[in-house]
Amino acid sequence: MVVNLAISTAPLESGERLTRQEFERRYIAAEHIHKAELVEGVVYVASPVRATRHGRSHGIIMAWLGTYWIATPGVDLHDNATVRLDADNEPQPDALLRIEPEVGGNSSISEDDYIEGAPELIVEVAASSASYDLNDKFNAYRRNGVREYIVWQMYENRVDWFILSEGKYVSAIPDERGIIRSEVFPGLWLSVNALRQGNRKEIVAVLQSGLQTTEHQAFVERLSQ
């Protein structure tokens, strides 16, 4: 008796160097894997998510962005959606906001239901500054034109908001109240200290102030035309 030991699809493992097409093929076949990314041609398979350190922080980010999304037609919110950036990069960001292409956005939804192109804003919840979120992925987002990139480092409890300027990421500086205002999404305001403290009421209160500005109203009108 001849036993066929061939495996039709090789397993998806961290550290492998794959093309984007091969990465997608293996990822789709690996039904037990819920998050994997291709960053600069290298595969990263995510570890199980801890409840307090990552899960709760991710929830706060989604609540903040979700409030903005509800108030802003023409803007699209995604949670852990795969993004086809380029031939070597297919990340799965923790959260992202994108402007619909019909009103000037840079990304679109493909026929097979993936995001293609660079979303306007990406948020990652990272373990620390040593994470690939602040290294290879940082460079991939910058090179592909992600206009704003937020990284919340859990161990350091540090929040960095980067803005793309002349092909480089520069750090946004909070104002005297500790608030950062998005340059791409008018009215998207963030109290950095409230986020670091997990003060959800303050996060929402500051955002609501941004949503009531004339800048946000003008943005909504522009997207609605």
Protein backbone atom coordinates (compact mmCIF):
# COMPACT_ATOMS: atom_id res chain seq x y z
CA MET A 1 0.00 0.00 0.00
CA VAL A 2 1.33 3.43 -0.94
CA VAL A 3 0.64 6.21 1.55
CA ASN A 4 0.49 9.70 0.09
CA LEU A 5 2.17 12.03 2.59
CA ALA A 6 1.94 15.12 0.41
CA ILE A 7 0.21 18.17 1.88
CA SER A 8 -1.69 20.25 -0.64
CA THR A 9 -1.14 23.50 1.28
CA ALA A 10 1.85 24.16 3.48
CA PRO A 11 1.11 25.61 6.94
CA LEU A 12 1.40 29.32 7.55
CA GLU A 13 4.23 30.04 9.98
CA SER A 14 5.85 33.18 11.35
CA GLY A 15 9.14 34.14 9.77
CA GLU A 16 8.46 32.71 6.34
CA ARG A 17 9.10 34.87 3.29
CA LEU A 18 6.21 34.62 0.86
CA THR A 19 4.67 36.42 -2.04
CA ARG A 20 1.37 38.10 -1.27
CA GLN A 21 -0.48 35.58 -3.43
CA GLU A 22 1.05 32.60 -1.60
CA PHE A 23 0.43 34.27 1.77
CA GLU A 24 -3.26 34.70 0.96
CA ARG A 25 -3.57 31.10 -0.26
CA ARG A 26 -2.10 29.69 2.93
CA TYR A 27 -3.96 32.10 5.20
CA ILE A 28 -7.31 31.17 3.69
CA ALA A 29 -6.48 27.47 4.10
CA ALA A 30 -5.41 27.91 7.74
CA GLU A 31 -8.87 28.13 9.28
CA HIS A 32 -7.47 27.89 12.83
CA ILE A 33 -5.47 31.12 12.41
CA HIS A 34 -7.48 34.27 13.09
CA LYS A 35 -4.80 36.90 12.50
CA ALA A 36 -1.75 36.78 10.26
CA GLU A 37 0.05 39.52 8.38
CA LEU A 38 2.57 39.89 5.59
CA VAL A 39 4.93 42.77 6.35
CA GLU A 40 7.82 43.54 4.00
CA GLY A 41 7.49 40.01 2.62
CA VAL A 42 7.68 38.29 6.04
CA VAL A 43 4.81 36.37 7.69
CA TYR A 44 3.70 37.26 11.22
CA VAL A 45 1.17 34.98 12.90
CA ALA A 46 -0.37 36.66 15.93
CA SER A 47 -0.31 35.12 19.40
CA PRO A 48 -3.51 34.78 21.46
CA VAL A 49 -4.79 38.19 22.59
CA ARG A 50 -4.67 39.05 26.31
CA ALA A 51 -7.91 40.48 27.69
CA THR A 52 -6.74 43.55 29.63
CA ARG A 53 -3.51 44.46 27.89
CA HIS A 54 -4.80 44.28 24.34
CA GLY A 55 -8.47 43.35 24.15
CA ARG A 56 -9.81 46.12 26.37
CA SER A 57 -7.50 48.72 24.83
CA HIS A 58 -8.64 47.65 21.37
CA GLY A 59 -12.24 48.05 22.50
CA ILE A 60 -11.61 51.62 23.66
CA ILE A 61 -10.06 52.49 20.29
CA MET A 62 -13.02 50.99 18.44
CA ALA A 63 -15.52 52.89 20.61
CA TRP A 64 -13.67 56.17 19.91
CA LEU A 65 -13.45 55.60 16.16
CA GLY A 66 -16.97 54.16 16.05
CA THR A 67 -18.44 57.32 17.52
CA TYR A 68 -16.72 59.37 14.83
CA TRP A 69 -17.79 56.95 12.10
CA ILE A 70 -21.46 57.16 13.08
CA ALA A 71 -21.34 60.96 12.93
CA THR A 72 -19.48 61.14 9.60
CA PRO A 73 -21.11 59.79 6.42
CA GLY A 74 -18.61 58.91 3.69
CA VAL A 75 -16.15 57.48 6.23
CA ASP A 76 -15.71 53.72 6.68
CA LEU A 77 -14.53 51.94 9.86
CA HIS A 78 -12.93 48.49 9.96
CA ASP A 79 -11.82 46.19 12.78
CA ASN A 80 -8.99 43.75 11.95
CA ALA A 81 -9.60 43.89 8.20
CA THR A 82 -6.92 42.65 5.82
CA VAL A 83 -5.39 45.40 3.67
CA ARG A 84 -3.60 44.78 0.38
CA LEU A 85 -1.01 47.54 0.47
CA ASP A 86 1.52 46.38 -2.12
CA ALA A 87 3.22 43.24 -3.42
CA ASP A 88 5.06 42.62 -0.12
CA ASN A 89 2.60 43.94 2.45
CA GLU A 90 -0.79 42.64 3.51
CA PRO A 91 -1.31 43.75 7.12
CA GLN A 92 -4.37 43.28 9.29
CA PRO A 93 -4.52 46.49 11.37
CA ASP A 94 -6.28 46.57 14.72
CA ALA A 95 -8.46 49.42 13.44
CA LEU A 96 -8.65 51.76 10.48
CA LEU A 97 -10.67 54.66 9.12
CA ARG A 98 -10.92 55.21 5.40
CA ILE A 99 -12.66 57.72 3.17
CA GLU A 100 -14.86 56.15 0.52
CA PRO A 101 -13.28 56.40 -2.96
CA GLU A 102 -16.39 58.08 -4.38
CA VAL A 103 -15.59 61.13 -2.23
CA GLY A 104 -11.83 61.16 -2.66
CA GLY A 105 -10.52 58.25 -0.57
CA ASN A 106 -7.33 56.36 -1.44
CA SER A 107 -8.56 52.80 -0.88
CA SER A 108 -11.35 50.61 -2.19
CA ILE A 109 -13.06 47.28 -1.51
CA SER A 110 -12.09 44.59 -4.00
CA GLU A 111 -14.50 42.18 -5.64
CA ASP A 112 -13.32 39.45 -3.25
CA ASP A 113 -13.96 41.76 -0.26
CA TYR A 114 -10.48 42.98 0.73
CA ILE A 115 -9.33 46.53 1.25
CA GLU A 116 -6.94 47.57 -1.52
CA GLY A 117 -4.75 50.65 -1.23
CA ALA A 118 -3.81 52.81 1.73
CA PRO A 119 -6.51 53.72 4.27
CA GLU A 120 -6.24 57.31 5.50
CA LEU A 121 -5.77 56.34 9.19
CA ILE A 122 -4.54 53.16 10.87
CA VAL A 123 -4.38 52.35 14.59
CA GLU A 124 -2.29 49.55 16.09
CA VAL A 125 -2.23 48.38 19.72
CA ALA A 126 1.38 47.26 20.21
CA ALA A 127 3.15 45.41 22.99
CA SER A 128 6.10 47.80 23.13
CA SER A 129 8.39 50.01 21.08
CA ALA A 130 10.24 46.85 19.99
CA SER A 131 7.13 45.69 18.12
CA TYR A 132 7.16 45.44 14.34
CA ASP A 133 4.30 47.95 14.44
CA LEU A 134 6.96 50.62 15.01
CA ASN A 135 9.55 49.18 12.66
CA ASP A 136 8.85 47.28 9.44
CA LYS A 137 5.12 47.98 9.50
CA PHE A 138 5.78 51.65 10.24
CA ASN A 139 7.93 51.85 7.11
CA ALA A 140 5.40 49.98 4.98
CA TYR A 141 2.57 52.30 6.01
CA ARG A 142 4.71 55.38 5.40
CA ARG A 143 5.89 54.21 1.99
CA ASN A 144 2.38 53.34 0.85
CA GLY A 145 0.90 56.69 1.88
CA VAL A 146 -1.11 55.94 5.04
CA ARG A 147 -1.65 59.56 6.02
CA GLU A 148 -2.03 59.11 9.78
CA TYR A 149 -0.78 56.27 11.96
CA ILE A 150 -1.49 55.84 15.68
CA VAL A 151 0.40 53.36 17.85
CA TRP A 152 -0.58 52.70 21.47
CA GLN A 153 2.27 50.85 23.21
CA MET A 154 0.93 48.81 26.11
CA TYR A 155 4.03 48.23 28.23
CA GLU A 156 5.12 51.87 28.09
CA ASN A 157 1.49 53.11 27.98
CA ARG A 158 2.63 55.54 25.29
CA VAL A 159 0.54 56.92 22.46
CA ASP A 160 2.22 58.09 19.24
CA TRP A 161 0.26 59.77 16.46
CA PHE A 162 2.24 60.10 13.25
CA ILE A 163 1.27 62.37 10.35
CA LEU A 164 2.64 61.86 6.84
CA SER A 165 4.45 64.99 5.67
CA GLU A 166 6.57 65.09 2.50
CA GLY A 167 7.01 61.32 2.54
CA LYS A 168 8.01 61.12 6.22
CA TYR A 169 6.11 60.48 9.44
CA VAL A 170 6.27 63.34 11.94
CA SER A 171 4.88 63.14 15.46
CA ALA A 172 1.71 65.10 16.19
CA ILE A 173 2.11 67.30 19.25
CA PRO A 174 -0.78 67.53 21.75
CA ASP A 175 -2.02 71.03 22.51
CA GLU A 176 -2.01 72.63 25.97
CA ARG A 177 -5.03 70.49 26.92
CA GLY A 178 -3.30 67.29 25.82
CA ILE A 179 -5.51 66.90 22.75
CA ILE A 180 -4.41 65.79 19.27
CA ARG A 181 -6.59 66.72 16.32
CA SER A 182 -6.57 64.71 13.12
CA GLU A 183 -5.50 66.57 9.99
CA VAL A 184 -7.27 64.12 7.69
CA PHE A 185 -10.53 63.67 9.63
CA PRO A 186 -11.72 67.03 10.96
CA GLY A 187 -13.32 66.67 14.38
CA LEU A 188 -11.46 63.47 15.26
CA TRP A 189 -10.01 64.67 18.55
CA LEU A 190 -8.16 62.52 21.08
CA SER A 191 -7.28 63.28 24.69
CA VAL A 192 -4.00 61.40 24.99
CA ASN A 193 -4.02 61.31 28.81
CA ALA A 194 -7.62 60.10 28.90
CA LEU A 195 -6.71 57.26 26.55
CA ARG A 196 -3.68 56.29 28.62
CA GLN A 197 -5.82 56.31 31.77
CA GLY A 198 -8.68 54.43 30.15
CA ASN A 199 -11.04 57.32 30.96
CA ARG A 200 -13.78 56.51 28.50
CA LYS A 201 -16.08 59.37 29.49
CA GLU A 202 -13.34 61.93 28.89
CA ILE A 203 -12.37 60.32 25.57
CA VAL A 204 -15.97 60.60 24.34
CA ALA A 205 -16.45 64.11 25.75
CA VAL A 206 -13.38 65.42 23.92
CA LEU A 207 -14.45 63.70 20.70
CA GLN A 208 -17.94 65.17 20.98
CA SER A 209 -16.37 68.62 21.21
CA GLY A 210 -14.58 67.91 17.94
CA LEU A 211 -17.76 66.69 16.28
CA GLN A 212 -19.49 69.96 17.10
CA THR A 213 -16.92 72.13 15.31
CA THR A 214 -17.58 73.95 12.05
CA GLU A 215 -14.63 72.02 10.55
CA HIS A 216 -16.39 68.70 11.09
CA GLN A 217 -19.68 70.05 9.77
CA ALA A 218 -17.93 71.29 6.63
CA PHE A 219 -16.22 67.91 6.20
CA VAL A 220 -19.56 66.10 6.42
CA GLU A 221 -21.07 68.46 3.88
CA ARG A 222 -18.17 67.90 1.49
CA LEU A 223 -18.43 64.12 1.78
CA SER A 224 -22.21 64.27 1.26
CA GLN A 225 -22.01 66.11 -2.06
